[in-house]
Amino acid sequence: MMIGPEALVALVAQAVSSGPLQQWIQDNVVPLILLGIAIILLWIGGRGDNAGVARRSVGLIIGLVALGIAVSGNGPEIGSFLASLLTG
């Protein structure tokens, strides 16, 4: 039995999913990024640049909130909530 290219592509497309990759990223990459951020902030703070640490920390918190929204998959609900705060 011969399988045509279209059937083979459809068969492979059904078997491919990003679930395991997403789980690996959630389990491993995010904690490593947070550890790296903490080490960098401690290093900067050790040089006496406390204002620089505070400035970078605010930016990092905003970035981590965005990362949390992206990873959780609740973006539309959060966006609707924030829009309702502005529009009433």
Protein backbone atom coordinates (compact mmCIF):
# COMPACT_ATOMS: atom_id res chain seq x y z
CA MET A 1 0.00 0.00 0.00
CA MET A 2 1.42 3.34 -1.08
CA ILE A 3 0.77 6.52 0.88
CA GLY A 4 0.67 9.75 -1.08
CA PRO A 5 2.45 12.89 0.09
CA GLU A 6 -0.79 14.56 1.17
CA ALA A 7 -1.81 11.60 3.31
CA LEU A 8 1.67 11.42 4.85
CA VAL A 9 1.62 15.13 5.73
CA ALA A 10 -1.84 14.75 7.30
CA LEU A 11 -0.66 11.73 9.31
CA VAL A 12 2.42 13.56 10.62
CA ALA A 13 0.40 16.71 11.41
CA GLN A 14 -1.95 14.69 13.60
CA ALA A 15 0.92 13.24 15.63
CA VAL A 16 2.74 16.55 16.25
CA SER A 17 1.74 18.59 19.28
CA SER A 18 3.42 21.29 21.32
CA GLY A 19 2.09 20.01 24.66
CA PRO A 20 5.30 18.30 25.83
CA LEU A 21 7.43 21.29 24.77
CA GLN A 22 5.17 23.71 26.62
CA GLN A 23 5.32 21.54 29.74
CA TRP A 24 9.12 21.35 29.55
CA ILE A 25 9.36 25.13 29.21
CA GLN A 26 7.06 25.64 32.18
CA ASP A 27 8.95 23.11 34.29
CA ASN A 28 12.54 24.06 33.42
CA VAL A 29 13.13 27.26 31.50
CA VAL A 30 11.12 29.67 33.63
CA PRO A 31 12.83 28.72 36.94
CA LEU A 32 16.25 28.97 35.27
CA ILE A 33 15.43 32.44 33.94
CA LEU A 34 14.26 33.53 37.39
CA LEU A 35 17.46 32.19 38.96
CA GLY A 36 19.56 34.07 36.41
CA ILE A 37 17.64 37.28 37.05
CA ALA A 38 18.14 36.92 40.81
CA ILE A 39 21.88 36.36 40.41
CA ILE A 40 22.24 39.41 38.14
CA LEU A 41 20.26 41.61 40.55
CA LEU A 42 22.38 40.47 43.50
CA TRP A 43 25.55 41.17 41.52
CA ILE A 44 24.37 44.68 40.58
CA GLY A 45 23.25 45.34 44.15
CA GLY A 46 26.66 44.23 45.45
CA ARG A 47 28.28 47.05 43.47
CA GLY A 48 26.18 49.60 45.35
CA ASP A 49 23.86 50.52 42.48
CA ASN A 50 20.64 50.15 44.46
CA ALA A 51 18.73 52.59 42.24
CA GLY A 52 19.68 50.50 39.21
CA VAL A 53 18.45 47.34 40.94
CA ALA A 54 15.13 49.00 41.80
CA ARG A 55 14.69 50.28 38.24
CA ARG A 56 15.47 46.90 36.71
CA SER A 57 13.27 45.08 39.24
CA VAL A 58 10.18 47.04 38.18
CA GLY A 59 10.82 46.17 34.54
CA LEU A 60 11.39 42.53 35.43
CA ILE A 61 8.18 42.33 37.43
CA ILE A 62 6.24 43.69 34.46
CA GLY A 63 7.96 41.17 32.20
CA LEU A 64 7.22 38.30 34.58
CA VAL A 65 3.55 39.30 34.71
CA ALA A 66 3.45 39.21 30.90
CA LEU A 67 5.19 35.82 30.94
CA GLY A 68 2.67 34.50 33.46
CA ILE A 69 -0.23 35.65 31.33
CA ALA A 70 1.29 34.04 28.24
CA VAL A 71 2.02 30.74 29.96
CA SER A 72 -1.34 30.46 31.72
CA GLY A 73 -3.39 30.93 28.55
CA ASN A 74 -5.76 33.36 30.30
CA GLY A 75 -4.83 36.32 28.12
CA PRO A 76 -8.31 37.07 26.72
CA GLU A 77 -9.95 36.96 30.16
CA ILE A 78 -7.28 39.20 31.69
CA GLY A 79 -7.52 41.58 28.73
CA SER A 80 -11.30 41.80 29.13
CA PHE A 81 -10.91 42.50 32.85
CA LEU A 82 -8.35 45.26 32.26
CA ALA A 83 -10.51 46.79 29.53
CA SER A 84 -13.51 46.77 31.88
CA LEU A 85 -11.45 48.73 34.42
CA LEU A 86 -10.97 51.50 31.86
CA THR A 87 -14.38 51.45 30.21
CA GLY A 88 -16.54 50.77 33.25
